[in-house]
Each structure stands twice: as structure tokens, then as C-alpha cells.
Amino acid sequence: MRVFVVGGSGFLGREVCRRGVDAGLSVVGTFHGSEIGVPGVAARRLDVTDRSAVRALVAEVRPDAVVATPYRYDDWTVTADGAAHVALAAAEVGARLVHLSSDALHGGRPLPYADDDPPSPVNAYGAAKAAAETAVRAIDPGAALVRTSLILGEGSKQVQLCRDALAGRAVLFTDEVRCPVDVMDLADAVLELADSSYAGLLNVAGPDAVSRADLGLLVAERFGLDATGLKTTTAAAVGVIRPSDVRLDSGRAAGLLRTRLRGVRELLA
């Protein structure tokens, strides 16, 4: 199977490339800024905001499956328009599409979110991810759309944020709850879906719900760091509009996939 990974130089995209090569797949990965740096991956430069370039490259590669991970937190054209361009290009060559979405399109509530709960974004990034889903579903109803959460692993910016807060260089919120997932688990799940016929929305996140502040304490314990200096606050106290209590119910994914989605407490034990 030939897999085309859009955003192959990103944290998740690079891991999808690496796990794909390890599984014996033919992998083509795209980058825009930094190189991918994974042996065995055919790297191609691509700007996802250029629809003609996306269509031309996908038509040239003619992949069996496309894994779409492009996003930029503060850029609608990359996150929303880019996703639509990739979906259109994949549909034109008949490729299987797995689109990576985010729990950030939910606003937060006491009850866990099911796979197909409608978006309720509270900021521009969440709205862009919701728009991306709408475009992908309209273009390719057979695509798999993966909603995931904070991604952990070697080099994770989420772990680095915790380290920074422990050193007094950043602040973690006590009122923002998420379900972290390991980057290898997520990459394996994505590749499973690329080789399946699953269509529609699917939550793929860890089973443990923790606040960002609690994640900081777990990181401190895992790496033997002093937690007494951990800086915490609430998003409400600093006037930041962010998703609050966003717990993804990944029960369907747990029953569907061979990949076991480990919880953050196991990951950082």
C-alpha cells in the first residue's frame, strides 16, 4: 500500500511516516518548513493552501491512502482550506482518506463527547477544525475523520509545556481537561484506519481524563522534577477563551482497532 502523509514533518505526521515504513508500506510524506528526516520516506515539499499544487502532487503520487494532518493554530487557510484541498485531491484519484481532527472543536461540558457529537467551538482554531470536518465530509463521505486530543511522546510540545511550567516559564490551567494519547498509538491507529473501510467520525484518544495542571504533576513524577514550583491558574482567571472540560469517549475506537490506546497514567508511569 502506498500512503501519502500530508504534514509529514509535523509531530504526528512524522510518526505516521516512521510507523508506515516500519510496517513495510511505501510512504510519501510532505513538508513545508522543516524536513521530515525519516529514512525510507519519499519527501516532497507542498503548500496545502495551493489547491492546484495539492491536486497535481496527489495525481502524480497516486496513493492508495492519504493521511491528512495539516494544521497551523492561527491560520484558517492551512487548517480549514488546506484540509478541503487535500480531500478534493484524494477523491479525484480514488484514494482512501484519513483526516486528523481535534477535540479543540468542542467547547467543553461535564459529560464525555461521543464520536458524532456536533462541534461547539469557542475559539478560531476550533472553528477552523470544525470547518475542515464539514468540507471533508461533504467532499468524501467515505473518509475517516479522527478526533484526537493532546499528543504525547518523545519531543511532544505538550510535555515541554509541562516542563516549562515546572520551571516557572509557563502556566498550566486547572480548568482545561483533556484525554492525552501517545503519538505511536495514534499513528498506528491512523494507519489501521487507512487500511480499513471505516467511514465517519471516530474519537481516538486515551482513556484517562486529566487537567493540564495534573498532566504537569505526572510529568514531574515521571522525570523526577520538583513539582513545588509548578505554575497553575484557570483560563477564566486570565481571560483566555479555550475549550474547558473536553473528554472524548473513545470506546468505539477501542472496540474497532487492534491498537491499544494507552492512558496518560500508564504512559508516564
C-alpha atoms as a PDB file:
ATOM      1  CA  MET A   1       0.000   0.000   0.000  1.00  0.00           C
ATOM      2  CA  ARG A   2       1.272   3.473  -0.870  1.00  0.00           C
ATOM      3  CA  VAL A   3       0.463   6.053   1.809  1.00  0.00           C
ATOM      4  CA  PHE A   4       0.655   9.793   1.222  1.00  0.00           C
ATOM      5  CA  VAL A   5       1.149  11.676   4.504  1.00  0.00           C
ATOM      6  CA  VAL A   6       0.285  15.364   4.265  1.00  0.00           C
ATOM      7  CA  GLY A   7       2.135  17.175   7.025  1.00  0.00           C
ATOM      8  CA  GLY A   8       4.824  14.522   7.299  1.00  0.00           C
ATOM      9  CA  SER A   9       7.233  16.872   9.059  1.00  0.00           C
ATOM     10  CA  GLY A  10       4.823  17.503  11.942  1.00  0.00           C
ATOM     11  CA  PHE A  11       4.918  15.658  15.250  1.00  0.00           C
ATOM     12  CA  LEU A  12       2.176  13.177  14.355  1.00  0.00           C
ATOM     13  CA  GLY A  13       2.863  13.116  10.619  1.00  0.00           C
ATOM     14  CA  ARG A  14       6.494  12.160  11.152  1.00  0.00           C
ATOM     15  CA  GLU A  15       5.449   9.277  13.416  1.00  0.00           C
ATOM     16  CA  VAL A  16       2.901   8.066  10.837  1.00  0.00           C
ATOM     17  CA  CYS A  17       5.699   8.105   8.260  1.00  0.00           C
ATOM     18  CA  ARG A  18       8.033   6.208  10.580  1.00  0.00           C
ATOM     19  CA  ARG A  19       5.482   3.572  11.566  1.00  0.00           C
ATOM     20  CA  GLY A  20       4.414   3.178   7.945  1.00  0.00           C
ATOM     21  CA  VAL A  21       7.965   2.487   6.806  1.00  0.00           C
ATOM     22  CA  ASP A  22       8.440   0.035   9.696  1.00  0.00           C
ATOM     23  CA  ALA A  23       5.300  -1.781   8.526  1.00  0.00           C
ATOM     24  CA  GLY A  24       6.724  -2.172   5.029  1.00  0.00           C
ATOM     25  CA  LEU A  25       4.498   0.412   3.363  1.00  0.00           C
ATOM     26  CA  SER A  26       5.517   2.741   0.569  1.00  0.00           C
ATOM     27  CA  VAL A  27       5.395   6.182   2.191  1.00  0.00           C
ATOM     28  CA  VAL A  28       5.450   9.623   0.592  1.00  0.00           C
ATOM     29  CA  GLY A  29       5.420  12.497   3.060  1.00  0.00           C
ATOM     30  CA  THR A  30       5.058  16.223   2.523  1.00  0.00           C
ATOM     31  CA  PHE A  31       6.782  19.088   4.290  1.00  0.00           C
ATOM     32  CA  HIS A  32       6.605  22.856   4.043  1.00  0.00           C
ATOM     33  CA  GLY A  33       9.182  24.141   6.521  1.00  0.00           C
ATOM     34  CA  SER A  34      11.393  21.601   8.253  1.00  0.00           C
ATOM     35  CA  GLU A  35      12.395  18.349   6.578  1.00  0.00           C
ATOM     36  CA  ILE A  36      10.792  15.044   7.534  1.00  0.00           C
ATOM     37  CA  GLY A  37      14.036  13.233   8.296  1.00  0.00           C
ATOM     38  CA  VAL A  38      12.658   9.677   8.309  1.00  0.00           C
ATOM     39  CA  PRO A  39      14.715   7.128   6.335  1.00  0.00           C
ATOM     40  CA  GLY A  40      12.703   5.374   3.655  1.00  0.00           C
ATOM     41  CA  VAL A  41      10.211   8.207   3.177  1.00  0.00           C
ATOM     42  CA  ALA A  42      10.000   9.980  -0.176  1.00  0.00           C
ATOM     43  CA  ALA A  43       9.775  13.620   0.936  1.00  0.00           C
ATOM     44  CA  ARG A  44       8.038  16.237  -1.193  1.00  0.00           C
ATOM     45  CA  ARG A  45       7.608  19.932  -0.475  1.00  0.00           C
ATOM     46  CA  LEU A  46       3.968  21.086  -0.510  1.00  0.00           C
ATOM     47  CA  ASP A  47       1.954  24.164   0.423  1.00  0.00           C
ATOM     48  CA  VAL A  48      -1.539  22.891   1.255  1.00  0.00           C
ATOM     49  CA  THR A  49      -3.047  26.325   0.678  1.00  0.00           C
ATOM     50  CA  ASP A  50      -2.180  25.981  -3.027  1.00  0.00           C
ATOM     51  CA  ARG A  51      -5.057  23.848  -4.320  1.00  0.00           C
ATOM     52  CA  SER A  52      -3.540  23.317  -7.760  1.00  0.00           C
ATOM     53  CA  ALA A  53      -0.244  22.155  -6.258  1.00  0.00           C
ATOM     54  CA  VAL A  54      -2.029  19.723  -3.937  1.00  0.00           C
ATOM     55  CA  ARG A  55      -4.055  18.228  -6.787  1.00  0.00           C
ATOM     56  CA  ALA A  56      -1.005  17.938  -9.033  1.00  0.00           C
ATOM     57  CA  LEU A  57       1.156  16.205  -6.434  1.00  0.00           C
ATOM     58  CA  VAL A  58      -1.539  13.732  -5.372  1.00  0.00           C
ATOM     59  CA  ALA A  59      -2.254  12.955  -9.028  1.00  0.00           C
ATOM     60  CA  GLU A  60       1.464  12.329  -9.567  1.00  0.00           C
ATOM     61  CA  VAL A  61       1.913  10.100  -6.500  1.00  0.00           C
ATOM     62  CA  ARG A  62      -1.423   8.272  -6.942  1.00  0.00           C
ATOM     63  CA  PRO A  63      -1.522   6.892  -3.393  1.00  0.00           C
ATOM     64  CA  ASP A  64      -3.809   4.166  -2.136  1.00  0.00           C
ATOM     65  CA  ALA A  65      -4.414   6.144   1.053  1.00  0.00           C
ATOM     66  CA  VAL A  66      -3.967   9.745   2.156  1.00  0.00           C
ATOM     67  CA  VAL A  67      -3.382  10.699   5.787  1.00  0.00           C
ATOM     68  CA  ALA A  68      -4.121  14.398   6.226  1.00  0.00           C
ATOM     69  CA  THR A  69      -2.566  16.081   9.271  1.00  0.00           C
ATOM     70  CA  PRO A  70      -2.017  19.698   8.166  1.00  0.00           C
ATOM     71  CA  TYR A  71      -2.830  22.480  10.612  1.00  0.00           C
ATOM     72  CA  ARG A  72      -1.488  25.772  11.860  1.00  0.00           C
ATOM     73  CA  TYR A  73      -3.023  27.029  15.070  1.00  0.00           C
ATOM     74  CA  ASP A  74      -3.583  30.597  13.937  1.00  0.00           C
ATOM     75  CA  ASP A  75      -4.068  30.050  10.199  1.00  0.00           C
ATOM     76  CA  TRP A  76      -7.520  29.266   8.816  1.00  0.00           C
ATOM     77  CA  THR A  77      -6.229  28.736   5.270  1.00  0.00           C
ATOM     78  CA  VAL A  78      -3.922  25.900   6.352  1.00  0.00           C
ATOM     79  CA  THR A  79      -6.267  24.250   8.850  1.00  0.00           C
ATOM     80  CA  ALA A  80      -9.598  24.550   7.024  1.00  0.00           C
ATOM     81  CA  ASP A  81      -8.917  25.334   3.360  1.00  0.00           C
ATOM     82  CA  GLY A  82      -5.880  23.045   3.289  1.00  0.00           C
ATOM     83  CA  ALA A  83      -7.946  20.131   4.551  1.00  0.00           C
ATOM     84  CA  ALA A  84     -10.516  20.719   1.806  1.00  0.00           C
ATOM     85  CA  HIS A  85      -7.803  20.838  -0.864  1.00  0.00           C
ATOM     86  CA  VAL A  86      -6.360  17.522   0.321  1.00  0.00           C
ATOM     87  CA  ALA A  87      -9.789  15.871   0.469  1.00  0.00           C
ATOM     88  CA  LEU A  88     -10.602  17.001  -3.063  1.00  0.00           C
ATOM     89  CA  ALA A  89      -7.275  15.762  -4.425  1.00  0.00           C
ATOM     90  CA  ALA A  90      -7.666  12.379  -2.694  1.00  0.00           C
ATOM     91  CA  ALA A  91     -11.198  11.982  -4.051  1.00  0.00           C
ATOM     92  CA  GLU A  92     -10.029  12.753  -7.585  1.00  0.00           C
ATOM     93  CA  VAL A  93      -7.615   9.792  -7.580  1.00  0.00           C
ATOM     94  CA  GLY A  94      -9.912   7.489  -5.587  1.00  0.00           C
ATOM     95  CA  ALA A  95      -7.612   7.324  -2.562  1.00  0.00           C
ATOM     96  CA  ARG A  96      -8.761   6.324   0.886  1.00  0.00           C
ATOM     97  CA  LEU A  97      -8.700   9.404   3.172  1.00  0.00           C
ATOM     98  CA  VAL A  98      -7.994   9.606   6.895  1.00  0.00           C
ATOM     99  CA  HIS A  99      -8.390  13.177   8.127  1.00  0.00           C
ATOM    100  CA  LEU A 100      -6.995  14.229  11.519  1.00  0.00           C
ATOM    101  CA  SER A 101      -9.286  16.450  13.517  1.00  0.00           C
ATOM    102  CA  SER A 102      -9.147  17.635  17.129  1.00  0.00           C
ATOM    103  CA  ASP A 103     -11.055  17.764  20.395  1.00  0.00           C
ATOM    104  CA  ALA A 104     -10.484  21.537  20.215  1.00  0.00           C
ATOM    105  CA  LEU A 105     -13.661  21.841  18.128  1.00  0.00           C
ATOM    106  CA  HIS A 106     -15.657  21.156  21.295  1.00  0.00           C
ATOM    107  CA  GLY A 107     -16.273  23.846  23.874  1.00  0.00           C
ATOM    108  CA  GLY A 108     -16.397  21.672  26.985  1.00  0.00           C
ATOM    109  CA  ARG A 109     -19.084  20.119  29.218  1.00  0.00           C
ATOM    110  CA  PRO A 110     -19.319  17.730  32.202  1.00  0.00           C
ATOM    111  CA  LEU A 111     -20.283  14.698  30.071  1.00  0.00           C
ATOM    112  CA  PRO A 112     -17.884  12.936  27.663  1.00  0.00           C
ATOM    113  CA  TYR A 113     -18.263  13.639  23.957  1.00  0.00           C
ATOM    114  CA  ALA A 114     -19.382  10.809  21.677  1.00  0.00           C
ATOM    115  CA  ASP A 115     -17.810  10.280  18.258  1.00  0.00           C
ATOM    116  CA  ASP A 116     -20.522  12.074  16.333  1.00  0.00           C
ATOM    117  CA  ASP A 117     -21.339  14.910  18.738  1.00  0.00           C
ATOM    118  CA  PRO A 118     -21.599  18.145  16.738  1.00  0.00           C
ATOM    119  CA  PRO A 119     -18.822  20.733  17.091  1.00  0.00           C
ATOM    120  CA  SER A 120     -19.247  23.573  19.561  1.00  0.00           C
ATOM    121  CA  PRO A 121     -16.097  25.657  19.049  1.00  0.00           C
ATOM    122  CA  VAL A 122     -15.274  28.568  21.348  1.00  0.00           C
ATOM    123  CA  ASN A 123     -12.235  29.980  19.527  1.00  0.00           C
ATOM    124  CA  ALA A 124     -10.939  30.464  15.981  1.00  0.00           C
ATOM    125  CA  TYR A 125      -8.841  27.301  15.945  1.00  0.00           C
ATOM    126  CA  GLY A 126     -11.785  25.150  16.994  1.00  0.00           C
ATOM    127  CA  ALA A 127     -13.930  26.795  14.333  1.00  0.00           C
ATOM    128  CA  ALA A 128     -11.274  26.084  11.693  1.00  0.00           C
ATOM    129  CA  LYS A 129     -11.137  22.403  12.680  1.00  0.00           C
ATOM    130  CA  ALA A 130     -14.937  22.219  12.560  1.00  0.00           C
ATOM    131  CA  ALA A 131     -14.944  23.807   9.101  1.00  0.00           C
ATOM    132  CA  ALA A 132     -12.313  21.326   7.956  1.00  0.00           C
ATOM    133  CA  GLU A 133     -14.526  18.428   9.037  1.00  0.00           C
ATOM    134  CA  THR A 134     -17.522  19.897   7.231  1.00  0.00           C
ATOM    135  CA  ALA A 135     -15.540  20.227   3.998  1.00  0.00           C
ATOM    136  CA  VAL A 136     -14.049  16.727   4.219  1.00  0.00           C
ATOM    137  CA  ARG A 137     -17.405  15.073   4.904  1.00  0.00           C
ATOM    138  CA  ALA A 138     -19.018  16.930   2.000  1.00  0.00           C
ATOM    139  CA  ILE A 139     -16.248  16.009  -0.433  1.00  0.00           C
ATOM    140  CA  ASP A 140     -15.721  12.402   0.688  1.00  0.00           C
ATOM    141  CA  PRO A 141     -18.468  10.781   2.796  1.00  0.00           C
ATOM    142  CA  GLY A 142     -16.370   7.607   2.950  1.00  0.00           C
ATOM    143  CA  ALA A 143     -13.433   9.281   4.690  1.00  0.00           C
ATOM    144  CA  ALA A 144     -12.448   8.507   8.276  1.00  0.00           C
ATOM    145  CA  LEU A 145     -12.275  11.612  10.467  1.00  0.00           C
ATOM    146  CA  VAL A 146     -10.212  11.123  13.609  1.00  0.00           C
ATOM    147  CA  ARG A 147     -10.853  13.389  16.571  1.00  0.00           C
ATOM    148  CA  THR A 148      -7.925  13.218  18.936  1.00  0.00           C
ATOM    149  CA  SER A 149      -6.547  15.046  21.960  1.00  0.00           C
ATOM    150  CA  LEU A 150      -3.198  16.155  23.394  1.00  0.00           C
ATOM    151  CA  ILE A 151      -0.441  14.090  21.761  1.00  0.00           C
ATOM    152  CA  LEU A 152       2.386  12.852  23.987  1.00  0.00           C
ATOM    153  CA  GLY A 153       5.696  11.186  23.217  1.00  0.00           C
ATOM    154  CA  GLU A 154       9.358  11.980  22.647  1.00  0.00           C
ATOM    155  CA  GLY A 155       9.541  15.599  21.522  1.00  0.00           C
ATOM    156  CA  SER A 156       5.919  16.407  22.401  1.00  0.00           C
ATOM    157  CA  LYS A 157       5.240  20.108  22.812  1.00  0.00           C
ATOM    158  CA  GLN A 158       2.668  19.165  25.452  1.00  0.00           C
ATOM    159  CA  VAL A 159       5.371  17.603  27.639  1.00  0.00           C
ATOM    160  CA  GLN A 160       7.677  20.570  27.003  1.00  0.00           C
ATOM    161  CA  LEU A 161       4.920  22.946  28.110  1.00  0.00           C
ATOM    162  CA  CYS A 162       4.680  20.999  31.368  1.00  0.00           C
ATOM    163  CA  ARG A 163       8.457  21.202  31.834  1.00  0.00           C
ATOM    164  CA  ASP A 164       8.309  24.945  31.233  1.00  0.00           C
ATOM    165  CA  ALA A 165       5.534  25.352  33.827  1.00  0.00           C
ATOM    166  CA  LEU A 166       7.528  23.305  36.334  1.00  0.00           C
ATOM    167  CA  ALA A 167      10.458  25.667  35.753  1.00  0.00           C
ATOM    168  CA  GLY A 168       8.244  28.739  36.164  1.00  0.00           C
ATOM    169  CA  ARG A 169       8.382  29.714  32.485  1.00  0.00           C
ATOM    170  CA  ALA A 170       4.750  28.884  31.643  1.00  0.00           C
ATOM    171  CA  VAL A 171       1.360  28.360  33.288  1.00  0.00           C
ATOM    172  CA  LEU A 172      -0.920  25.311  33.190  1.00  0.00           C
ATOM    173  CA  PHE A 173      -4.696  25.544  33.512  1.00  0.00           C
ATOM    174  CA  THR A 174      -6.560  23.611  36.171  1.00  0.00           C
ATOM    175  CA  ASP A 175      -9.891  24.017  34.360  1.00  0.00           C
ATOM    176  CA  GLU A 176      -8.886  22.525  30.999  1.00  0.00           C
ATOM    177  CA  VAL A 177      -9.407  18.739  30.933  1.00  0.00           C
ATOM    178  CA  ARG A 178      -8.288  16.546  28.030  1.00  0.00           C
ATOM    179  CA  CYS A 179      -7.595  12.870  27.196  1.00  0.00           C
ATOM    180  CA  PRO A 180      -3.914  12.638  26.144  1.00  0.00           C
ATOM    181  CA  VAL A 181      -2.802   9.950  23.696  1.00  0.00           C
ATOM    182  CA  ASP A 182       0.611   8.549  22.801  1.00  0.00           C
ATOM    183  CA  VAL A 183       1.922   9.546  19.380  1.00  0.00           C
ATOM    184  CA  MET A 184       2.848   5.944  18.485  1.00  0.00           C
ATOM    185  CA  ASP A 185      -0.585   4.638  19.485  1.00  0.00           C
ATOM    186  CA  LEU A 186      -2.263   7.363  17.440  1.00  0.00           C
ATOM    187  CA  ALA A 187      -0.038   6.763  14.403  1.00  0.00           C
ATOM    188  CA  ASP A 188      -0.746   3.028  14.488  1.00  0.00           C
ATOM    189  CA  ALA A 189      -4.473   3.693  14.796  1.00  0.00           C
ATOM    190  CA  VAL A 190      -4.374   6.060  11.825  1.00  0.00           C
ATOM    191  CA  LEU A 191      -2.580   3.502   9.671  1.00  0.00           C
ATOM    192  CA  GLU A 192      -5.116   0.870  10.688  1.00  0.00           C
ATOM    193  CA  LEU A 193      -7.908   3.159   9.576  1.00  0.00           C
ATOM    194  CA  ALA A 194      -6.097   3.865   6.301  1.00  0.00           C
ATOM    195  CA  ASP A 195      -6.342   0.157   5.546  1.00  0.00           C
ATOM    196  CA  SER A 196      -9.991  -0.125   6.593  1.00  0.00           C
ATOM    197  CA  SER A 197     -13.367   0.953   5.255  1.00  0.00           C
ATOM    198  CA  TYR A 198     -14.481   2.852   8.366  1.00  0.00           C
ATOM    199  CA  ALA A 199     -16.370   5.996   7.370  1.00  0.00           C
ATOM    200  CA  GLY A 200     -17.228   8.998   9.508  1.00  0.00           C
ATOM    201  CA  LEU A 201     -16.178  10.433  12.845  1.00  0.00           C
ATOM    202  CA  LEU A 202     -14.127   8.492  15.378  1.00  0.00           C
ATOM    203  CA  ASN A 203     -12.700   9.593  18.721  1.00  0.00           C
ATOM    204  CA  VAL A 204      -9.159   8.266  19.084  1.00  0.00           C
ATOM    205  CA  ALA A 205      -7.731   9.386  22.418  1.00  0.00           C
ATOM    206  CA  GLY A 206      -6.503   7.951  25.696  1.00  0.00           C
ATOM    207  CA  PRO A 207      -8.889   6.661  28.379  1.00  0.00           C
ATOM    208  CA  ASP A 208      -7.592   8.953  31.145  1.00  0.00           C
ATOM    209  CA  ALA A 209      -9.049  12.458  31.508  1.00  0.00           C
ATOM    210  CA  VAL A 210      -6.658  14.868  33.240  1.00  0.00           C
ATOM    211  CA  SER A 211      -6.336  18.619  33.586  1.00  0.00           C
ATOM    212  CA  ARG A 212      -3.301  20.305  32.115  1.00  0.00           C
ATOM    213  CA  ALA A 213      -2.168  21.028  35.673  1.00  0.00           C
ATOM    214  CA  ASP A 214      -2.474  17.336  36.593  1.00  0.00           C
ATOM    215  CA  LEU A 215      -0.528  16.457  33.454  1.00  0.00           C
ATOM    216  CA  GLY A 216       2.241  18.715  34.738  1.00  0.00           C
ATOM    217  CA  LEU A 217       2.345  16.778  38.007  1.00  0.00           C
ATOM    218  CA  LEU A 218       2.518  13.475  36.116  1.00  0.00           C
ATOM    219  CA  VAL A 219       5.398  14.789  34.007  1.00  0.00           C
ATOM    220  CA  ALA A 220       7.214  15.912  37.155  1.00  0.00           C
ATOM    221  CA  GLU A 221       6.838  12.474  38.704  1.00  0.00           C
ATOM    222  CA  ARG A 222       7.906  10.688  35.508  1.00  0.00           C
ATOM    223  CA  PHE A 223      11.091  12.707  35.069  1.00  0.00           C
ATOM    224  CA  GLY A 224      11.946  13.258  38.728  1.00  0.00           C
ATOM    225  CA  LEU A 225      11.337  17.003  38.621  1.00  0.00           C
ATOM    226  CA  ASP A 226      10.457  19.247  41.558  1.00  0.00           C
ATOM    227  CA  ALA A 227       6.725  19.987  41.375  1.00  0.00           C
ATOM    228  CA  THR A 228       6.669  22.651  44.073  1.00  0.00           C
ATOM    229  CA  GLY A 229       7.296  25.415  41.547  1.00  0.00           C
ATOM    230  CA  LEU A 230       4.520  24.363  39.155  1.00  0.00           C
ATOM    231  CA  LYS A 231       2.640  27.448  37.998  1.00  0.00           C
ATOM    232  CA  THR A 232      -1.111  26.971  37.574  1.00  0.00           C
ATOM    233  CA  THR A 233      -4.165  29.134  37.068  1.00  0.00           C
ATOM    234  CA  THR A 234      -7.524  28.983  35.309  1.00  0.00           C
ATOM    235  CA  ALA A 235      -8.294  30.068  31.791  1.00  0.00           C
ATOM    236  CA  ALA A 236     -11.148  32.134  33.193  1.00  0.00           C
ATOM    237  CA  ALA A 237      -8.804  33.977  35.565  1.00  0.00           C
ATOM    238  CA  VAL A 238      -6.554  35.182  32.754  1.00  0.00           C
ATOM    239  CA  GLY A 239      -9.389  35.827  30.302  1.00  0.00           C
ATOM    240  CA  VAL A 240      -8.318  33.181  27.780  1.00  0.00           C
ATOM    241  CA  ILE A 241     -11.076  31.581  25.706  1.00  0.00           C
ATOM    242  CA  ARG A 242     -10.236  27.892  25.364  1.00  0.00           C
ATOM    243  CA  PRO A 243     -12.096  24.568  25.447  1.00  0.00           C
ATOM    244  CA  SER A 244     -12.682  23.589  29.065  1.00  0.00           C
ATOM    245  CA  ASP A 245     -13.714  20.058  30.094  1.00  0.00           C
ATOM    246  CA  VAL A 246     -13.343  18.067  26.860  1.00  0.00           C
ATOM    247  CA  ARG A 247     -13.405  14.313  27.487  1.00  0.00           C
ATOM    248  CA  LEU A 248     -13.560  12.136  24.391  1.00  0.00           C
ATOM    249  CA  ASP A 249     -15.324   8.794  24.683  1.00  0.00           C
ATOM    250  CA  SER A 250     -13.057   6.521  22.617  1.00  0.00           C
ATOM    251  CA  GLY A 251     -14.963   3.334  23.365  1.00  0.00           C
ATOM    252  CA  ARG A 252     -15.863   2.741  19.738  1.00  0.00           C
ATOM    253  CA  ALA A 253     -12.217   3.031  18.660  1.00  0.00           C
ATOM    254  CA  ALA A 254     -11.122   0.693  21.463  1.00  0.00           C
ATOM    255  CA  GLY A 255     -13.514  -1.959  20.152  1.00  0.00           C
ATOM    256  CA  LEU A 256     -12.720  -1.368  16.495  1.00  0.00           C
ATOM    257  CA  LEU A 257      -8.919  -1.123  16.456  1.00  0.00           C
ATOM    258  CA  ARG A 258      -6.198  -3.639  17.195  1.00  0.00           C
ATOM    259  CA  THR A 259      -4.046  -0.797  18.528  1.00  0.00           C
ATOM    260  CA  ARG A 260      -4.435  -0.343  22.272  1.00  0.00           C
ATOM    261  CA  LEU A 261      -4.884   3.293  23.241  1.00  0.00           C
ATOM    262  CA  ARG A 262      -2.941   3.712  26.458  1.00  0.00           C
ATOM    263  CA  GLY A 263      -3.883   6.222  29.125  1.00  0.00           C
ATOM    264  CA  VAL A 264      -1.590   9.023  30.267  1.00  0.00           C
ATOM    265  CA  ARG A 265      -1.002   7.466  33.684  1.00  0.00           C
ATOM    266  CA  GLU A 266       0.331   4.311  32.038  1.00  0.00           C
ATOM    267  CA  LEU A 267       2.385   6.315  29.560  1.00  0.00           C
ATOM    268  CA  LEU A 268       4.036   8.394  32.287  1.00  0.00           C
ATOM    269  CA  ALA A 269       4.299   5.663  34.921  1.00  0.00           C
END
